[in-house]
Structures are given as structure tokens and as C-alpha cells.
């Protein structure tokens, strides 16, 4: 995967994680980097990287983008020729697919904010696979899901409606 492909992918994921329901525009990334990181990167620079006109990042820019996208700086390089994702651990590859599946699910359930946020929280977790395994165990234990729900998310009290007193 090229550096440009990786930055494009990170913009897609970041847009979803931020609740945009779409890929973040390059200009939005540039603005967010300036506001959140206190450093500047231009939309034109990002465009050059994504279009392959700029094949490498400076160390400063690599660190800046790594902090912004919350990835390891080593991710922001072109993959060596002949590199294949299957060289990765099968668990890590499946974890990446699971996270992407969760993000897409969050987009599909955008109308149900609680479900969408829950799916994004799972995708953000460093070990989403383990979270799913835990969820499976919770569902298998009779009554545990209800007890956890009551303990962690107590029912909201109905709003009190006060009636006006009649004046005589």
C-alpha cells in the first residue's frame, strides 16, 4: 500500500470516527491538525502525498500526522515492494477487518445514535475482537446482560409534570 493510499484510508476512518458519516476532506484534516495539534499542514501538501507527487513525508510531518490519526509513525511510509498483508499476524488482519466492519455498521445505523456510538466504541478499542468474545459470554450467562444493563445504565426517570394550581 502506498503512503497516499494510507493517508486516504486514514481520512476515511477519521471522518467516520468523528461522526461525519463520510471521509474527511483534506482541507478539514488540515484545519483539524492546526486546531488540535497546533501545527500546520496544508491541503495542497496532503493532495501531493495522496496523488503520489510527494513520495515521502518529512520526519516532522510524519510525527504530526501520526499523532493526529493516532497511528504509529512507521505506518506512514510506502510499503516495501513485494509486501503483502498476509505477512501480518492472522489475528491482527482479522482485527483490522472487524474494526472496519464495525465502522461501516456505525454508518449504517447513524439514525440510531446509541447503536452507532456503541459500534464506534468497539472499533476504537485496542482489542475489539476480545470485546466481542466478552459480549458473547455475557449473552450466554442467563440474566447477566440484564443485571449489567441495570448496573451500568440505570433507567432514566420519567420527567415530572407539574400541574398548575387552580386559583379561586
C-alpha atoms as a PDB file:
ATOM      1  CA  UNK A   1       0.000   0.000   0.000  1.00  0.00           C
ATOM      2  CA  UNK A   2       1.342   3.423  -0.861  1.00  0.00           C
ATOM      3  CA  UNK A   3       1.677   6.300   1.548  1.00  0.00           C
ATOM      4  CA  UNK A   4      -1.076   8.122  -0.372  1.00  0.00           C
ATOM      5  CA  UNK A   5      -3.435   5.150  -0.015  1.00  0.00           C
ATOM      6  CA  UNK A   6      -2.760   5.057   3.714  1.00  0.00           C
ATOM      7  CA  UNK A   7      -3.460   8.780   4.221  1.00  0.00           C
ATOM      8  CA  UNK A   8      -6.658   8.484   2.142  1.00  0.00           C
ATOM      9  CA  UNK A   9      -7.746   5.486   4.250  1.00  0.00           C
ATOM     10  CA  UNK A  10      -6.976   7.348   7.491  1.00  0.00           C
ATOM     11  CA  UNK A  11      -9.109  10.303   6.323  1.00  0.00           C
ATOM     12  CA  UNK A  12     -11.964   7.855   5.675  1.00  0.00           C
ATOM     13  CA  UNK A  13     -11.699   6.256   9.102  1.00  0.00           C
ATOM     14  CA  UNK A  14     -11.255   9.589  10.880  1.00  0.00           C
ATOM     15  CA  UNK A  15     -14.359  11.019   9.201  1.00  0.00           C
ATOM     16  CA  UNK A  16     -16.378   8.067  10.412  1.00  0.00           C
ATOM     17  CA  UNK A  17     -14.948   8.183  13.930  1.00  0.00           C
ATOM     18  CA  UNK A  18     -15.765  11.881  14.151  1.00  0.00           C
ATOM     19  CA  UNK A  19     -19.368  11.178  13.192  1.00  0.00           C
ATOM     20  CA  UNK A  20     -19.273  12.774   9.737  1.00  0.00           C
ATOM     21  CA  UNK A  21     -20.521   9.616   8.076  1.00  0.00           C
ATOM     22  CA  UNK A  22     -18.065  10.279   5.242  1.00  0.00           C
ATOM     23  CA  UNK A  23     -14.385  10.704   4.504  1.00  0.00           C
ATOM     24  CA  UNK A  24     -12.854  13.855   5.980  1.00  0.00           C
ATOM     25  CA  UNK A  25     -11.858  16.315   3.266  1.00  0.00           C
ATOM     26  CA  UNK A  26      -8.172  17.194   3.021  1.00  0.00           C
ATOM     27  CA  UNK A  27      -8.989  20.774   3.998  1.00  0.00           C
ATOM     28  CA  UNK A  28     -10.852  19.507   7.090  1.00  0.00           C
ATOM     29  CA  UNK A  29      -7.820  17.454   8.099  1.00  0.00           C
ATOM     30  CA  UNK A  30      -5.537  20.466   7.612  1.00  0.00           C
ATOM     31  CA  UNK A  31      -7.838  22.639   9.742  1.00  0.00           C
ATOM     32  CA  UNK A  32      -8.221  19.979  12.463  1.00  0.00           C
ATOM     33  CA  UNK A  33      -4.449  19.420  12.609  1.00  0.00           C
ATOM     34  CA  UNK A  34      -3.927  23.162  13.075  1.00  0.00           C
ATOM     35  CA  UNK A  35      -6.562  23.383  15.838  1.00  0.00           C
ATOM     36  CA  UNK A  36      -5.816  20.112  17.647  1.00  0.00           C
ATOM     37  CA  UNK A  37      -2.068  19.756  17.154  1.00  0.00           C
ATOM     38  CA  UNK A  38      -1.069  23.425  16.976  1.00  0.00           C
ATOM     39  CA  UNK A  39       0.944  22.783  13.807  1.00  0.00           C
ATOM     40  CA  UNK A  40       0.297  23.448  10.170  1.00  0.00           C
ATOM     41  CA  UNK A  41      -0.072  21.152   7.186  1.00  0.00           C
ATOM     42  CA  UNK A  42      -1.708  22.355   4.006  1.00  0.00           C
ATOM     43  CA  UNK A  43      -4.425  20.783   1.906  1.00  0.00           C
ATOM     44  CA  UNK A  44      -2.050  21.045  -1.072  1.00  0.00           C
ATOM     45  CA  UNK A  45       0.614  19.021   0.783  1.00  0.00           C
ATOM     46  CA  UNK A  46      -1.936  16.293   1.622  1.00  0.00           C
ATOM     47  CA  UNK A  47      -3.051  16.263  -2.014  1.00  0.00           C
ATOM     48  CA  UNK A  48       0.541  15.816  -3.213  1.00  0.00           C
ATOM     49  CA  UNK A  49       1.029  12.921  -0.777  1.00  0.00           C
ATOM     50  CA  UNK A  50      -2.202  11.199  -1.808  1.00  0.00           C
ATOM     51  CA  UNK A  51      -1.558  11.664  -5.533  1.00  0.00           C
ATOM     52  CA  UNK A  52       1.971  10.260  -5.280  1.00  0.00           C
ATOM     53  CA  UNK A  53       3.709  13.521  -6.202  1.00  0.00           C
ATOM     54  CA  UNK A  54       5.297  13.539  -2.746  1.00  0.00           C
ATOM     55  CA  UNK A  55       6.542  10.018  -2.057  1.00  0.00           C
ATOM     56  CA  UNK A  56       7.863  10.610   1.473  1.00  0.00           C
ATOM     57  CA  UNK A  57       6.971  12.724   4.487  1.00  0.00           C
ATOM     58  CA  UNK A  58       9.461  14.744   6.465  1.00  0.00           C
ATOM     59  CA  UNK A  59      10.018  13.370   9.960  1.00  0.00           C
ATOM     60  CA  UNK A  60       8.175  16.359  11.427  1.00  0.00           C
ATOM     61  CA  UNK A  61       5.149  15.858   9.194  1.00  0.00           C
ATOM     62  CA  UNK A  62       5.142  12.091   9.767  1.00  0.00           C
ATOM     63  CA  UNK A  63       5.079  12.626  13.548  1.00  0.00           C
ATOM     64  CA  UNK A  64       2.373  15.293  13.232  1.00  0.00           C
ATOM     65  CA  UNK A  65       0.084  13.083  11.137  1.00  0.00           C
ATOM     66  CA  UNK A  66       0.800  10.041  13.314  1.00  0.00           C
ATOM     67  CA  UNK A  67      -0.306  11.987  16.413  1.00  0.00           C
ATOM     68  CA  UNK A  68      -3.384  13.337  14.635  1.00  0.00           C
ATOM     69  CA  UNK A  69      -4.536   9.971  13.239  1.00  0.00           C
ATOM     70  CA  UNK A  70      -3.298   8.087  16.325  1.00  0.00           C
ATOM     71  CA  UNK A  71      -1.165   5.621  14.371  1.00  0.00           C
ATOM     72  CA  UNK A  72       2.429   4.513  14.709  1.00  0.00           C
ATOM     73  CA  UNK A  73       4.732   6.806  12.676  1.00  0.00           C
ATOM     74  CA  UNK A  74       6.117   3.728  10.915  1.00  0.00           C
ATOM     75  CA  UNK A  75       2.716   3.197   9.312  1.00  0.00           C
ATOM     76  CA  UNK A  76       3.120   6.429   7.331  1.00  0.00           C
ATOM     77  CA  UNK A  77       5.585   5.130   4.749  1.00  0.00           C
ATOM     78  CA  UNK A  78       5.236   3.316   1.433  1.00  0.00           C
ATOM     79  CA  UNK A  79       5.156  -0.422   1.944  1.00  0.00           C
ATOM     80  CA  UNK A  80       8.249  -2.160   0.524  1.00  0.00           C
ATOM     81  CA  UNK A  81       7.908  -3.762  -2.881  1.00  0.00           C
ATOM     82  CA  UNK A  82       6.566  -7.282  -2.524  1.00  0.00           C
ATOM     83  CA  UNK A  83       4.997  -6.558   0.879  1.00  0.00           C
ATOM     84  CA  UNK A  84       1.725  -8.414   1.420  1.00  0.00           C
ATOM     85  CA  UNK A  85      -0.730  -8.019   4.260  1.00  0.00           C
ATOM     86  CA  UNK A  86      -0.834 -11.784   4.731  1.00  0.00           C
ATOM     87  CA  UNK A  87       2.653 -11.481   6.241  1.00  0.00           C
ATOM     88  CA  UNK A  88       0.931  -9.945   9.238  1.00  0.00           C
ATOM     89  CA  UNK A  89      -0.445 -11.996  12.062  1.00  0.00           C
ATOM     90  CA  UNK A  90      -3.771 -13.546  11.053  1.00  0.00           C
ATOM     91  CA  UNK A  91      -5.310 -12.204  14.287  1.00  0.00           C
ATOM     92  CA  UNK A  92      -4.224  -8.609  13.569  1.00  0.00           C
ATOM     93  CA  UNK A  93      -5.523  -8.805   9.991  1.00  0.00           C
ATOM     94  CA  UNK A  94      -8.882 -10.112  11.188  1.00  0.00           C
ATOM     95  CA  UNK A  95      -8.930  -7.406  13.884  1.00  0.00           C
ATOM     96  CA  UNK A  96      -8.482  -4.716  11.215  1.00  0.00           C
ATOM     97  CA  UNK A  97     -11.311  -6.216   9.150  1.00  0.00           C
ATOM     98  CA  UNK A  98     -13.501  -6.390  12.253  1.00  0.00           C
ATOM     99  CA  UNK A  99     -12.810  -2.729  13.084  1.00  0.00           C
ATOM    100  CA  UNK A 100     -13.627  -1.675   9.529  1.00  0.00           C
ATOM    101  CA  UNK A 101     -16.828  -3.752   9.636  1.00  0.00           C
ATOM    102  CA  UNK A 102     -17.803  -2.031  12.899  1.00  0.00           C
ATOM    103  CA  UNK A 103     -17.169   1.407  11.406  1.00  0.00           C
ATOM    104  CA  UNK A 104     -19.309   0.605   8.375  1.00  0.00           C
ATOM    105  CA  UNK A 105     -22.006  -0.725  10.712  1.00  0.00           C
ATOM    106  CA  UNK A 106     -21.917   2.525  12.657  1.00  0.00           C
ATOM    107  CA  UNK A 107     -22.522   4.399   9.404  1.00  0.00           C
ATOM    108  CA  UNK A 108     -25.499   2.171   8.553  1.00  0.00           C
ATOM    109  CA  UNK A 109     -27.018   2.749  11.990  1.00  0.00           C
ATOM    110  CA  UNK A 110     -26.379   6.503  12.036  1.00  0.00           C
ATOM    111  CA  UNK A 111     -30.090   7.030  12.729  1.00  0.00           C
ATOM    112  CA  UNK A 112     -29.788   5.082  15.987  1.00  0.00           C
ATOM    113  CA  UNK A 113     -27.179   7.177  17.766  1.00  0.00           C
ATOM    114  CA  UNK A 114     -26.731   4.807  20.722  1.00  0.00           C
ATOM    115  CA  UNK A 115     -26.029   1.792  18.483  1.00  0.00           C
ATOM    116  CA  UNK A 116     -23.799   3.835  16.169  1.00  0.00           C
ATOM    117  CA  UNK A 117     -21.774   5.131  19.136  1.00  0.00           C
ATOM    118  CA  UNK A 118     -21.518   1.620  20.622  1.00  0.00           C
ATOM    119  CA  UNK A 119     -20.153   0.228  17.347  1.00  0.00           C
ATOM    120  CA  UNK A 120     -17.616   3.068  17.097  1.00  0.00           C
ATOM    121  CA  UNK A 121     -16.554   2.499  20.720  1.00  0.00           C
ATOM    122  CA  UNK A 122     -15.897  -1.161  19.886  1.00  0.00           C
ATOM    123  CA  UNK A 123     -13.933  -0.185  16.759  1.00  0.00           C
ATOM    124  CA  UNK A 124     -11.789   2.249  18.781  1.00  0.00           C
ATOM    125  CA  UNK A 125     -10.987  -0.325  21.463  1.00  0.00           C
ATOM    126  CA  UNK A 126      -7.457  -1.722  21.065  1.00  0.00           C
ATOM    127  CA  UNK A 127      -8.795  -5.301  21.206  1.00  0.00           C
ATOM    128  CA  UNK A 128     -12.257  -5.232  19.624  1.00  0.00           C
ATOM    129  CA  UNK A 129     -12.097  -8.989  18.966  1.00  0.00           C
ATOM    130  CA  UNK A 130     -11.801  -9.652  22.686  1.00  0.00           C
ATOM    131  CA  UNK A 131     -14.713  -7.280  23.349  1.00  0.00           C
ATOM    132  CA  UNK A 132     -16.883  -9.376  21.041  1.00  0.00           C
ATOM    133  CA  UNK A 133     -15.825 -12.565  22.787  1.00  0.00           C
ATOM    134  CA  UNK A 134     -16.726 -10.985  26.135  1.00  0.00           C
ATOM    135  CA  UNK A 135     -20.096  -9.889  24.754  1.00  0.00           C
ATOM    136  CA  UNK A 136     -20.746 -13.472  23.642  1.00  0.00           C
ATOM    137  CA  UNK A 137     -20.005 -14.764  27.149  1.00  0.00           C
ATOM    138  CA  UNK A 138     -22.293 -12.122  28.691  1.00  0.00           C
ATOM    139  CA  UNK A 139     -25.124 -13.182  26.377  1.00  0.00           C
ATOM    140  CA  UNK A 140     -24.624 -16.864  27.259  1.00  0.00           C
ATOM    141  CA  UNK A 141     -24.886 -16.282  31.021  1.00  0.00           C
ATOM    142  CA  UNK A 142     -28.604 -16.173  31.979  1.00  0.00           C
ATOM    143  CA  UNK A 143     -29.648 -12.784  33.326  1.00  0.00           C
ATOM    144  CA  UNK A 144     -26.143 -11.288  33.260  1.00  0.00           C
ATOM    145  CA  UNK A 145     -26.878  -8.862  30.427  1.00  0.00           C
ATOM    146  CA  UNK A 146     -29.923  -7.510  32.283  1.00  0.00           C
ATOM    147  CA  UNK A 147     -28.000  -7.171  35.554  1.00  0.00           C
ATOM    148  CA  UNK A 148     -25.110  -5.368  33.834  1.00  0.00           C
ATOM    149  CA  UNK A 149     -27.523  -3.100  31.971  1.00  0.00           C
ATOM    150  CA  UNK A 150     -29.269  -2.172  35.238  1.00  0.00           C
ATOM    151  CA  UNK A 151     -25.955  -1.522  36.983  1.00  0.00           C
ATOM    152  CA  UNK A 152     -24.260   0.415  34.178  1.00  0.00           C
ATOM    153  CA  UNK A 153     -27.234   2.143  32.577  1.00  0.00           C
ATOM    154  CA  UNK A 154     -29.990   2.660  35.157  1.00  0.00           C
ATOM    155  CA  UNK A 155     -33.372   3.522  33.630  1.00  0.00           C
ATOM    156  CA  UNK A 156     -33.978   7.213  33.238  1.00  0.00           C
ATOM    157  CA  UNK A 157     -36.696   8.629  35.433  1.00  0.00           C
ATOM    158  CA  UNK A 158     -39.730   9.922  33.604  1.00  0.00           C
ATOM    159  CA  UNK A 159     -39.944  13.715  33.660  1.00  0.00           C
ATOM    160  CA  UNK A 160     -42.151  15.100  36.396  1.00  0.00           C
ATOM    161  CA  UNK A 161     -45.096  17.024  35.033  1.00  0.00           C
ATOM    162  CA  UNK A 162     -46.424  19.624  37.396  1.00  0.00           C
ATOM    163  CA  UNK A 163     -49.926  20.854  37.024  1.00  0.00           C
ATOM    164  CA  UNK A 164     -50.788  24.494  37.620  1.00  0.00           C
ATOM    165  CA  UNK A 165     -52.819  25.148  40.698  1.00  0.00           C
ATOM    166  CA  UNK A 166     -56.285  26.481  40.165  1.00  0.00           C
ATOM    167  CA  UNK A 167     -56.782  29.954  41.549  1.00  0.00           C
ATOM    168  CA  UNK A 168     -60.098  30.660  43.131  1.00  0.00           C
END
